[in-house]
Amino acid sequence: MSENNSNEIVWADSLQAASEAATGSVGLIVIDEKVDGQPGLYIAKEMIKVNAMANLSLVSDLNPEEFHEASEGLGILAQLPIEPDAKDAVPLLNALTALL
């Protein structure tokens, strides 16, 4: 996602660090399946409280229907597989570009 330096990547390994990073101008927050022992959906809800304008993507092994049901109303832009790679970033960045 940082190819050609077109995106700045900020890594946060805790809810507190993510909350601090999300307070500024953020285009996309990618949330791992678990952060600080908390499920990604919980972290997504916390990120919405910090910055409701940030777009969210979530790593999850739920099937698409279960993911949609569990994340409904959170405004999750995309679900990513447990081990996302470059091909998974393309549709995510295309969706983000379409919104911005």
PDB file of N, CA and C in Angstrom:
ATOM      1  N   MET A   1       0.813  -1.201   0.000  1.00  0.00           N
ATOM      2  CA  MET A   1       0.000   0.000   0.000  1.00  0.00           C
ATOM      3  C   MET A   1       0.852   1.258   0.000  1.00  0.00           C
ATOM      4  N   SER A   2       2.120   1.112   0.315  1.00  0.00           N
ATOM      5  CA  SER A   2       2.974   2.295   0.339  1.00  0.00           C
ATOM      6  C   SER A   2       3.832   2.395  -0.922  1.00  0.00           C
ATOM      7  N   GLU A   3       3.532   1.581  -1.936  1.00  0.00           N
ATOM      8  CA  GLU A   3       4.289   1.594  -3.176  1.00  0.00           C
ATOM      9  C   GLU A   3       4.326   3.009  -3.758  1.00  0.00           C
ATOM     10  N   ASN A   4       5.467   3.398  -4.281  1.00  0.00           N
ATOM     11  CA  ASN A   4       5.676   4.724  -4.880  1.00  0.00           C
ATOM     12  C   ASN A   4       5.470   5.858  -3.886  1.00  0.00           C
ATOM     13  N   ASN A   5       5.526   5.559  -2.601  1.00  0.00           N
ATOM     14  CA  ASN A   5       5.367   6.569  -1.547  1.00  0.00           C
ATOM     15  C   ASN A   5       4.069   7.362  -1.691  1.00  0.00           C
ATOM     16  N   SER A   6       3.034   6.727  -2.277  1.00  0.00           N
ATOM     17  CA  SER A   6       1.778   7.436  -2.462  1.00  0.00           C
ATOM     18  C   SER A   6       0.903   7.412  -1.214  1.00  0.00           C
ATOM     19  N   ASN A   7       1.235   6.552  -0.263  1.00  0.00           N
ATOM     20  CA  ASN A   7       0.473   6.458   0.976  1.00  0.00           C
ATOM     21  C   ASN A   7       1.437   6.439   2.157  1.00  0.00           C
ATOM     22  N   GLU A   8       1.116   7.173   3.166  1.00  0.00           N
ATOM     23  CA  GLU A   8       1.902   7.123   4.391  1.00  0.00           C
ATOM     24  C   GLU A   8       1.289   6.054   5.282  1.00  0.00           C
ATOM     25  N   ILE A   9       2.120   5.154   5.758  1.00  0.00           N
ATOM     26  CA  ILE A   9       1.666   4.064   6.621  1.00  0.00           C
ATOM     27  C   ILE A   9       2.121   4.351   8.042  1.00  0.00           C
ATOM     28  N   VAL A  10       1.196   4.292   8.981  1.00  0.00           N
ATOM     29  CA  VAL A  10       1.507   4.458  10.397  1.00  0.00           C
ATOM     30  C   VAL A  10       1.063   3.179  11.093  1.00  0.00           C
ATOM     31  N   TRP A  11       1.989   2.481  11.729  1.00  0.00           N
ATOM     32  CA  TRP A  11       1.676   1.244  12.434  1.00  0.00           C
ATOM     33  C   TRP A  11       1.346   1.559  13.883  1.00  0.00           C
ATOM     34  N   ALA A  12       0.298   0.960  14.387  1.00  0.00           N
ATOM     35  CA  ALA A  12      -0.089   1.128  15.791  1.00  0.00           C
ATOM     36  C   ALA A  12      -0.340  -0.270  16.356  1.00  0.00           C
ATOM     37  N   ASP A  13       0.354  -0.621  17.415  1.00  0.00           N
ATOM     38  CA  ASP A  13       0.233  -1.970  17.956  1.00  0.00           C
ATOM     39  C   ASP A  13      -0.623  -2.046  19.221  1.00  0.00           C
ATOM     40  N   SER A  14      -1.365  -0.985  19.472  1.00  0.00           N
ATOM     41  CA  SER A  14      -2.262  -0.992  20.632  1.00  0.00           C
ATOM     42  C   SER A  14      -3.439  -0.070  20.337  1.00  0.00           C
ATOM     43  N   LEU A  15      -4.499  -0.248  21.105  1.00  0.00           N
ATOM     44  CA  LEU A  15      -5.668   0.621  20.940  1.00  0.00           C
ATOM     45  C   LEU A  15      -5.298   2.071  21.230  1.00  0.00           C
ATOM     46  N   GLN A  16      -4.479   2.291  22.244  1.00  0.00           N
ATOM     47  CA  GLN A  16      -4.079   3.657  22.583  1.00  0.00           C
ATOM     48  C   GLN A  16      -3.284   4.293  21.446  1.00  0.00           C
ATOM     49  N   ALA A  17      -2.319   3.557  20.887  1.00  0.00           N
ATOM     50  CA  ALA A  17      -1.509   4.095  19.786  1.00  0.00           C
ATOM     51  C   ALA A  17      -2.380   4.351  18.554  1.00  0.00           C
ATOM     52  N   ALA A  18      -3.317   3.456  18.287  1.00  0.00           N
ATOM     53  CA  ALA A  18      -4.219   3.643  17.152  1.00  0.00           C
ATOM     54  C   ALA A  18      -5.109   4.863  17.358  1.00  0.00           C
ATOM     55  N   SER A  19      -5.599   5.034  18.564  1.00  0.00           N
ATOM     56  CA  SER A  19      -6.450   6.189  18.863  1.00  0.00           C
ATOM     57  C   SER A  19      -5.692   7.490  18.662  1.00  0.00           C
ATOM     58  N   GLU A  20      -4.442   7.526  19.100  1.00  0.00           N
ATOM     59  CA  GLU A  20      -3.621   8.726  18.921  1.00  0.00           C
ATOM     60  C   GLU A  20      -3.364   8.995  17.445  1.00  0.00           C
ATOM     61  N   ALA A  21      -3.081   7.957  16.674  1.00  0.00           N
ATOM     62  CA  ALA A  21      -2.797   8.124  15.245  1.00  0.00           C
ATOM     63  C   ALA A  21      -4.051   8.521  14.468  1.00  0.00           C
ATOM     64  N   ALA A  22      -5.205   8.096  14.937  1.00  0.00           N
ATOM     65  CA  ALA A  22      -6.458   8.331  14.207  1.00  0.00           C
ATOM     66  C   ALA A  22      -7.044   9.717  14.432  1.00  0.00           C
ATOM     67  N   THR A  23      -6.470  10.503  15.325  1.00  0.00           N
ATOM     68  CA  THR A  23      -7.045  11.812  15.616  1.00  0.00           C
ATOM     69  C   THR A  23      -6.779  12.837  14.522  1.00  0.00           C
ATOM     70  N   GLY A  24      -5.774  12.613  13.697  1.00  0.00           N
ATOM     71  CA  GLY A  24      -5.448  13.563  12.637  1.00  0.00           C
ATOM     72  C   GLY A  24      -6.207  13.269  11.363  1.00  0.00           C
ATOM     73  N   SER A  25      -5.654  13.734  10.264  1.00  0.00           N
ATOM     74  CA  SER A  25      -6.239  13.495   8.955  1.00  0.00           C
ATOM     75  C   SER A  25      -5.863  12.084   8.510  1.00  0.00           C
ATOM     76  N   VAL A  26      -6.834  11.193   8.500  1.00  0.00           N
ATOM     77  CA  VAL A  26      -6.598   9.782   8.197  1.00  0.00           C
ATOM     78  C   VAL A  26      -7.530   9.368   7.075  1.00  0.00           C
ATOM     79  N   GLY A  27      -6.967   8.761   6.034  1.00  0.00           N
ATOM     80  CA  GLY A  27      -7.786   8.296   4.935  1.00  0.00           C
ATOM     81  C   GLY A  27      -8.332   6.904   5.158  1.00  0.00           C
ATOM     82  N   LEU A  28      -7.524   6.046   5.786  1.00  0.00           N
ATOM     83  CA  LEU A  28      -7.907   4.653   5.952  1.00  0.00           C
ATOM     84  C   LEU A  28      -7.258   4.091   7.203  1.00  0.00           C
ATOM     85  N   ILE A  29      -8.046   3.344   7.963  1.00  0.00           N
ATOM     86  CA  ILE A  29      -7.533   2.609   9.114  1.00  0.00           C
ATOM     87  C   ILE A  29      -7.751   1.130   8.818  1.00  0.00           C
ATOM     88  N   VAL A  30      -6.667   0.364   8.791  1.00  0.00           N
ATOM     89  CA  VAL A  30      -6.733  -1.080   8.590  1.00  0.00           C
ATOM     90  C   VAL A  30      -6.550  -1.712   9.956  1.00  0.00           C
ATOM     91  N   ILE A  31      -7.520  -2.514  10.354  1.00  0.00           N
ATOM     92  CA  ILE A  31      -7.535  -3.087  11.700  1.00  0.00           C
ATOM     93  C   ILE A  31      -7.300  -4.591  11.611  1.00  0.00           C
ATOM     94  N   ASP A  32      -6.341  -5.063  12.397  1.00  0.00           N
ATOM     95  CA  ASP A  32      -6.048  -6.486  12.438  1.00  0.00           C
ATOM     96  C   ASP A  32      -7.190  -7.240  13.104  1.00  0.00           C
ATOM     97  N   GLU A  33      -7.176  -8.567  12.993  1.00  0.00           N
ATOM     98  CA  GLU A  33      -8.245  -9.374  13.565  1.00  0.00           C
ATOM     99  C   GLU A  33      -8.337  -9.203  15.080  1.00  0.00           C
ATOM    100  N   LYS A  34      -7.189  -9.026  15.724  1.00  0.00           N
ATOM    101  CA  LYS A  34      -7.150  -8.749  17.162  1.00  0.00           C
ATOM    102  C   LYS A  34      -6.093  -7.682  17.421  1.00  0.00           C
ATOM    103  N   VAL A  35      -6.407  -6.755  18.313  1.00  0.00           N
ATOM    104  CA  VAL A  35      -5.481  -5.710  18.742  1.00  0.00           C
ATOM    105  C   VAL A  35      -5.599  -5.615  20.253  1.00  0.00           C
ATOM    106  N   ASP A  36      -4.494  -5.702  20.940  1.00  0.00           N
ATOM    107  CA  ASP A  36      -4.511  -5.664  22.412  1.00  0.00           C
ATOM    108  C   ASP A  36      -5.446  -6.726  22.996  1.00  0.00           C
ATOM    109  N   GLY A  37      -5.558  -7.870  22.313  1.00  0.00           N
ATOM    110  CA  GLY A  37      -6.425  -8.939  22.788  1.00  0.00           C
ATOM    111  C   GLY A  37      -7.898  -8.708  22.539  1.00  0.00           C
ATOM    112  N   GLN A  38      -8.238  -7.603  21.908  1.00  0.00           N
ATOM    113  CA  GLN A  38      -9.633  -7.269  21.603  1.00  0.00           C
ATOM    114  C   GLN A  38      -9.942  -7.611  20.147  1.00  0.00           C
ATOM    115  N   PRO A  39     -11.153  -8.070  19.866  1.00  0.00           N
ATOM    116  CA  PRO A  39     -11.518  -8.358  18.473  1.00  0.00           C
ATOM    117  C   PRO A  39     -11.517  -7.095  17.614  1.00  0.00           C
ATOM    118  N   GLY A  40     -11.206  -7.282  16.335  1.00  0.00           N
ATOM    119  CA  GLY A  40     -11.151  -6.158  15.413  1.00  0.00           C
ATOM    120  C   GLY A  40     -12.429  -5.346  15.353  1.00  0.00           C
ATOM    121  N   LEU A  41     -13.582  -5.997  15.459  1.00  0.00           N
ATOM    122  CA  LEU A  41     -14.846  -5.245  15.422  1.00  0.00           C
ATOM    123  C   LEU A  41     -14.965  -4.297  16.611  1.00  0.00           C
ATOM    124  N   TYR A  42     -14.467  -4.706  17.761  1.00  0.00           N
ATOM    125  CA  TYR A  42     -14.453  -3.807  18.924  1.00  0.00           C
ATOM    126  C   TYR A  42     -13.547  -2.610  18.635  1.00  0.00           C
ATOM    127  N   ILE A  43     -12.384  -2.877  18.072  1.00  0.00           N
ATOM    128  CA  ILE A  43     -11.436  -1.802  17.749  1.00  0.00           C
ATOM    129  C   ILE A  43     -12.081  -0.852  16.730  1.00  0.00           C
ATOM    130  N   ALA A  44     -12.794  -1.402  15.750  1.00  0.00           N
ATOM    131  CA  ALA A  44     -13.465  -0.559  14.753  1.00  0.00           C
ATOM    132  C   ALA A  44     -14.442   0.395  15.431  1.00  0.00           C
ATOM    133  N   LYS A  45     -15.212  -0.108  16.369  1.00  0.00           N
ATOM    134  CA  LYS A  45     -16.163   0.745  17.091  1.00  0.00           C
ATOM    135  C   LYS A  45     -15.442   1.851  17.852  1.00  0.00           C
ATOM    136  N   GLU A  46     -14.287   1.527  18.426  1.00  0.00           N
ATOM    137  CA  GLU A  46     -13.505   2.537  19.151  1.00  0.00           C
ATOM    138  C   GLU A  46     -12.924   3.572  18.187  1.00  0.00           C
ATOM    139  N   MET A  47     -12.483   3.139  17.007  1.00  0.00           N
ATOM    140  CA  MET A  47     -11.920   4.071  16.027  1.00  0.00           C
ATOM    141  C   MET A  47     -12.988   5.032  15.525  1.00  0.00           C
ATOM    142  N   ILE A  48     -14.227   4.561  15.393  1.00  0.00           N
ATOM    143  CA  ILE A  48     -15.329   5.432  14.976  1.00  0.00           C
ATOM    144  C   ILE A  48     -15.543   6.537  16.010  1.00  0.00           C
ATOM    145  N   LYS A  49     -15.386   6.208  17.281  1.00  0.00           N
ATOM    146  CA  LYS A  49     -15.523   7.212  18.336  1.00  0.00           C
ATOM    147  C   LYS A  49     -14.421   8.257  18.248  1.00  0.00           C
ATOM    148  N   VAL A  50     -13.227   7.830  17.845  1.00  0.00           N
ATOM    149  CA  VAL A  50     -12.078   8.736  17.759  1.00  0.00           C
ATOM    150  C   VAL A  50     -12.149   9.594  16.497  1.00  0.00           C
ATOM    151  N   ASN A  51     -12.496   8.957  15.363  1.00  0.00           N
ATOM    152  CA  ASN A  51     -12.519   9.676  14.096  1.00  0.00           C
ATOM    153  C   ASN A  51     -13.596   9.056  13.203  1.00  0.00           C
ATOM    154  N   ALA A  52     -14.779   9.582  13.282  1.00  0.00           N
ATOM    155  CA  ALA A  52     -15.911   9.038  12.521  1.00  0.00           C
ATOM    156  C   ALA A  52     -15.752   9.230  11.020  1.00  0.00           C
ATOM    157  N   MET A  53     -14.832  10.075  10.592  1.00  0.00           N
ATOM    158  CA  MET A  53     -14.641  10.330   9.166  1.00  0.00           C
ATOM    159  C   MET A  53     -13.636   9.384   8.522  1.00  0.00           C
ATOM    160  N   ALA A  54     -12.886   8.648   9.301  1.00  0.00           N
ATOM    161  CA  ALA A  54     -11.888   7.735   8.747  1.00  0.00           C
ATOM    162  C   ALA A  54     -12.579   6.510   8.150  1.00  0.00           C
ATOM    163  N   ASN A  55     -12.066   6.054   7.038  1.00  0.00           N
ATOM    164  CA  ASN A  55     -12.559   4.824   6.426  1.00  0.00           C
ATOM    165  C   ASN A  55     -11.878   3.651   7.112  1.00  0.00           C
ATOM    166  N   LEU A  56     -12.615   2.563   7.285  1.00  0.00           N
ATOM    167  CA  LEU A  56     -12.102   1.409   8.008  1.00  0.00           C
ATOM    168  C   LEU A  56     -12.077   0.181   7.115  1.00  0.00           C
ATOM    169  N   SER A  57     -11.044  -0.633   7.300  1.00  0.00           N
ATOM    170  CA  SER A  57     -10.950  -1.947   6.695  1.00  0.00           C
ATOM    171  C   SER A  57     -10.548  -2.895   7.807  1.00  0.00           C
ATOM    172  N   LEU A  58     -11.038  -4.112   7.750  1.00  0.00           N
ATOM    173  CA  LEU A  58     -10.850  -5.030   8.862  1.00  0.00           C
ATOM    174  C   LEU A  58     -10.396  -6.392   8.374  1.00  0.00           C
ATOM    175  N   VAL A  59      -9.346  -6.916   8.995  1.00  0.00           N
ATOM    176  CA  VAL A  59      -8.884  -8.270   8.736  1.00  0.00           C
ATOM    177  C   VAL A  59      -9.797  -9.209   9.505  1.00  0.00           C
ATOM    178  N   SER A  60     -10.371 -10.183   8.793  1.00  0.00           N
ATOM    179  CA  SER A  60     -11.308 -11.090   9.445  1.00  0.00           C
ATOM    180  C   SER A  60     -11.398 -12.403   8.677  1.00  0.00           C
ATOM    181  N   ASP A  61     -11.532 -13.500   9.420  1.00  0.00           N
ATOM    182  CA  ASP A  61     -11.700 -14.792   8.778  1.00  0.00           C
ATOM    183  C   ASP A  61     -13.169 -15.212   8.689  1.00  0.00           C
ATOM    184  N   LEU A  62     -14.078 -14.326   9.060  1.00  0.00           N
ATOM    185  CA  LEU A  62     -15.502 -14.618   8.908  1.00  0.00           C
ATOM    186  C   LEU A  62     -15.840 -14.744   7.422  1.00  0.00           C
ATOM    187  N   ASN A  63     -16.834 -15.575   7.104  1.00  0.00           N
ATOM    188  CA  ASN A  63     -17.251 -15.607   5.705  1.00  0.00           C
ATOM    189  C   ASN A  63     -17.939 -14.272   5.410  1.00  0.00           C
ATOM    190  N   PRO A  64     -18.031 -13.886   4.136  1.00  0.00           N
ATOM    191  CA  PRO A  64     -18.558 -12.551   3.799  1.00  0.00           C
ATOM    192  C   PRO A  64     -19.934 -12.244   4.385  1.00  0.00           C
ATOM    193  N   GLU A  65     -20.823 -13.217   4.423  1.00  0.00           N
ATOM    194  CA  GLU A  65     -22.161 -12.976   4.969  1.00  0.00           C
ATOM    195  C   GLU A  65     -22.098 -12.703   6.469  1.00  0.00           C
ATOM    196  N   GLU A  66     -21.326 -13.518   7.197  1.00  0.00           N
ATOM    197  CA  GLU A  66     -21.176 -13.318   8.632  1.00  0.00           C
ATOM    198  C   GLU A  66     -20.498 -11.978   8.924  1.00  0.00           C
ATOM    199  N   PHE A  67     -19.501 -11.648   8.106  1.00  0.00           N
ATOM    200  CA  PHE A  67     -18.796 -10.378   8.292  1.00  0.00           C
ATOM    201  C   PHE A  67     -19.755  -9.213   8.091  1.00  0.00           C
ATOM    202  N   HIS A  68     -20.547  -9.281   7.041  1.00  0.00           N
ATOM    203  CA  HIS A  68     -21.511  -8.201   6.772  1.00  0.00           C
ATOM    204  C   HIS A  68     -22.474  -8.046   7.947  1.00  0.00           C
ATOM    205  N   GLU A  69     -22.967  -9.159   8.440  1.00  0.00           N
ATOM    206  CA  GLU A  69     -23.918  -9.132   9.554  1.00  0.00           C
ATOM    207  C   GLU A  69     -23.265  -8.546  10.809  1.00  0.00           C
ATOM    208  N   ALA A  70     -22.046  -8.970  11.104  1.00  0.00           N
ATOM    209  CA  ALA A  70     -21.350  -8.527  12.318  1.00  0.00           C
ATOM    210  C   ALA A  70     -20.922  -7.064  12.239  1.00  0.00           C
ATOM    211  N   SER A  71     -20.620  -6.584  11.034  1.00  0.00           N
ATOM    212  CA  SER A  71     -20.085  -5.228  10.894  1.00  0.00           C
ATOM    213  C   SER A  71     -21.107  -4.218  10.388  1.00  0.00           C
ATOM    214  N   GLU A  72     -22.331  -4.652  10.201  1.00  0.00           N
ATOM    215  CA  GLU A  72     -23.362  -3.760   9.668  1.00  0.00           C
ATOM    216  C   GLU A  72     -23.494  -2.502  10.526  1.00  0.00           C
ATOM    217  N   GLY A  73     -23.526  -1.365   9.864  1.00  0.00           N
ATOM    218  CA  GLY A  73     -23.675  -0.097  10.559  1.00  0.00           C
ATOM    219  C   GLY A  73     -22.363   0.547  10.977  1.00  0.00           C
ATOM    220  N   LEU A  74     -21.254  -0.161  10.795  1.00  0.00           N
ATOM    221  CA  LEU A  74     -19.955   0.399  11.187  1.00  0.00           C
ATOM    222  C   LEU A  74     -19.263   1.130  10.037  1.00  0.00           C
ATOM    223  N   GLY A  75     -19.778   0.997   8.839  1.00  0.00           N
ATOM    224  CA  GLY A  75     -19.169   1.678   7.703  1.00  0.00           C
ATOM    225  C   GLY A  75     -17.833   1.083   7.298  1.00  0.00           C
ATOM    226  N   ILE A  76     -17.680  -0.217   7.448  1.00  0.00           N
ATOM    227  CA  ILE A  76     -16.437  -0.878   7.065  1.00  0.00           C
ATOM    228  C   ILE A  76     -16.339  -0.876   5.539  1.00  0.00           C
ATOM    229  N   LEU A  77     -15.250  -0.337   5.028  1.00  0.00           N
ATOM    230  CA  LEU A  77     -15.048  -0.229   3.589  1.00  0.00           C
ATOM    231  C   LEU A  77     -14.773  -1.589   2.958  1.00  0.00           C
ATOM    232  N   ALA A  78     -13.995  -2.429   3.630  1.00  0.00           N
ATOM    233  CA  ALA A  78     -13.629  -3.718   3.049  1.00  0.00           C
ATOM    234  C   ALA A  78     -13.184  -4.697   4.118  1.00  0.00           C
ATOM    235  N   GLN A  79     -13.394  -5.958   3.814  1.00  0.00           N
ATOM    236  CA  GLN A  79     -12.879  -7.047   4.634  1.00  0.00           C
ATOM    237  C   GLN A  79     -11.610  -7.552   3.967  1.00  0.00           C
ATOM    238  N   LEU A  80     -10.579  -7.770   4.763  1.00  0.00           N
ATOM    239  CA  LEU A  80      -9.328  -8.322   4.258  1.00  0.00           C
ATOM    240  C   LEU A  80      -9.120  -9.717   4.825  1.00  0.00           C
ATOM    241  N   PRO A  81      -8.458 -10.601   4.063  1.00  0.00           N
ATOM    242  CA  PRO A  81      -8.180 -11.935   4.582  1.00  0.00           C
ATOM    243  C   PRO A  81      -7.136 -11.888   5.703  1.00  0.00           C
ATOM    244  N   ILE A  82      -6.999 -12.993   6.426  1.00  0.00           N
ATOM    245  CA  ILE A  82      -6.086 -13.060   7.561  1.00  0.00           C
ATOM    246  C   ILE A  82      -4.657 -12.693   7.172  1.00  0.00           C
ATOM    247  N   GLU A  83      -4.210 -13.110   6.011  1.00  0.00           N
ATOM    248  CA  GLU A  83      -2.865 -12.758   5.544  1.00  0.00           C
ATOM    249  C   GLU A  83      -2.976 -11.997   4.223  1.00  0.00           C
ATOM    250  N   PRO A  84      -3.354 -10.719   4.288  1.00  0.00           N
ATOM    251  CA  PRO A  84      -3.533  -9.951   3.048  1.00  0.00           C
ATOM    252  C   PRO A  84      -2.207  -9.760   2.318  1.00  0.00           C
ATOM    253  N   ASP A  85      -2.297  -9.676   1.006  1.00  0.00           N
ATOM    254  CA  ASP A  85      -1.108  -9.399   0.209  1.00  0.00           C
ATOM    255  C   ASP A  85      -1.412  -8.268  -0.773  1.00  0.00           C
ATOM    256  N   ALA A  86      -0.490  -8.023  -1.688  1.00  0.00           N
ATOM    257  CA  ALA A  86      -0.629  -6.886  -2.606  1.00  0.00           C
ATOM    258  C   ALA A  86      -1.908  -6.954  -3.427  1.00  0.00           C
ATOM    259  N   LYS A  87      -2.320  -8.146  -3.842  1.00  0.00           N
ATOM    260  CA  LYS A  87      -3.536  -8.247  -4.658  1.00  0.00           C
ATOM    261  C   LYS A  87      -4.782  -7.847  -3.860  1.00  0.00           C
ATOM    262  N   ASP A  88      -4.744  -8.024  -2.546  1.00  0.00           N
ATOM    263  CA  ASP A  88      -5.874  -7.626  -1.706  1.00  0.00           C
ATOM    264  C   ASP A  88      -5.941  -6.115  -1.527  1.00  0.00           C
ATOM    265  N   ALA A  89      -4.798  -5.454  -1.688  1.00  0.00           N
ATOM    266  CA  ALA A  89      -4.759  -3.997  -1.528  1.00  0.00           C
ATOM    267  C   ALA A  89      -5.390  -3.274  -2.708  1.00  0.00           C
ATOM    268  N   VAL A  90      -5.347  -3.870  -3.895  1.00  0.00           N
ATOM    269  CA  VAL A  90      -5.835  -3.189  -5.101  1.00  0.00           C
ATOM    270  C   VAL A  90      -7.312  -2.818  -4.992  1.00  0.00           C
ATOM    271  N   PRO A  91      -8.231  -3.768  -4.720  1.00  0.00           N
ATOM    272  CA  PRO A  91      -9.634  -3.356  -4.624  1.00  0.00           C
ATOM    273  C   PRO A  91      -9.895  -2.419  -3.450  1.00  0.00           C
ATOM    274  N   LEU A  92      -9.151  -2.594  -2.367  1.00  0.00           N
ATOM    275  CA  LEU A  92      -9.304  -1.702  -1.216  1.00  0.00           C
ATOM    276  C   LEU A  92      -8.931  -0.276  -1.594  1.00  0.00           C
ATOM    277  N   LEU A  93      -7.781  -0.098  -2.220  1.00  0.00           N
ATOM    278  CA  LEU A  93      -7.353   1.247  -2.625  1.00  0.00           C
ATOM    279  C   LEU A  93      -8.257   1.826  -3.715  1.00  0.00           C
ATOM    280  N   ASN A  94      -8.777   0.977  -4.595  1.00  0.00           N
ATOM    281  CA  ASN A  94      -9.728   1.469  -5.609  1.00  0.00           C
ATOM    282  C   ASN A  94     -11.002   1.977  -4.948  1.00  0.00           C
ATOM    283  N   ALA A  95     -11.505   1.231  -3.978  1.00  0.00           N
ATOM    284  CA  ALA A  95     -12.715   1.665  -3.252  1.00  0.00           C
ATOM    285  C   ALA A  95     -12.452   2.959  -2.501  1.00  0.00           C
ATOM    286  N   LEU A  96     -11.289   3.056  -1.885  1.00  0.00           N
ATOM    287  CA  LEU A  96     -10.934   4.274  -1.143  1.00  0.00           C
ATOM    288  C   LEU A  96     -10.824   5.466  -2.088  1.00  0.00           C
ATOM    289  N   THR A  97     -10.180   5.258  -3.228  1.00  0.00           N
ATOM    290  CA  THR A  97     -10.028   6.336  -4.215  1.00  0.00           C
ATOM    291  C   THR A  97     -11.392   6.812  -4.709  1.00  0.00           C
ATOM    292  N   ALA A  98     -12.315   5.885  -4.897  1.00  0.00           N
ATOM    293  CA  ALA A  98     -13.655   6.254  -5.361  1.00  0.00           C
ATOM    294  C   ALA A  98     -14.375   7.115  -4.331  1.00  0.00           C
ATOM    295  N   LEU A  99     -14.108   6.879  -3.050  1.00  0.00           N
ATOM    296  CA  LEU A  99     -14.745   7.684  -1.990  1.00  0.00           C
ATOM    297  C   LEU A  99     -14.120   9.060  -1.833  1.00  0.00           C
ATOM    298  N   LEU A 100     -12.825   9.124  -2.034  1.00  0.00           N
ATOM    299  CA  LEU A 100     -12.123  10.384  -1.814  1.00  0.00           C
ATOM    300  C   LEU A 100     -12.155  11.187  -3.091  1.00  0.00           C
TER     301      LEU A 100
END
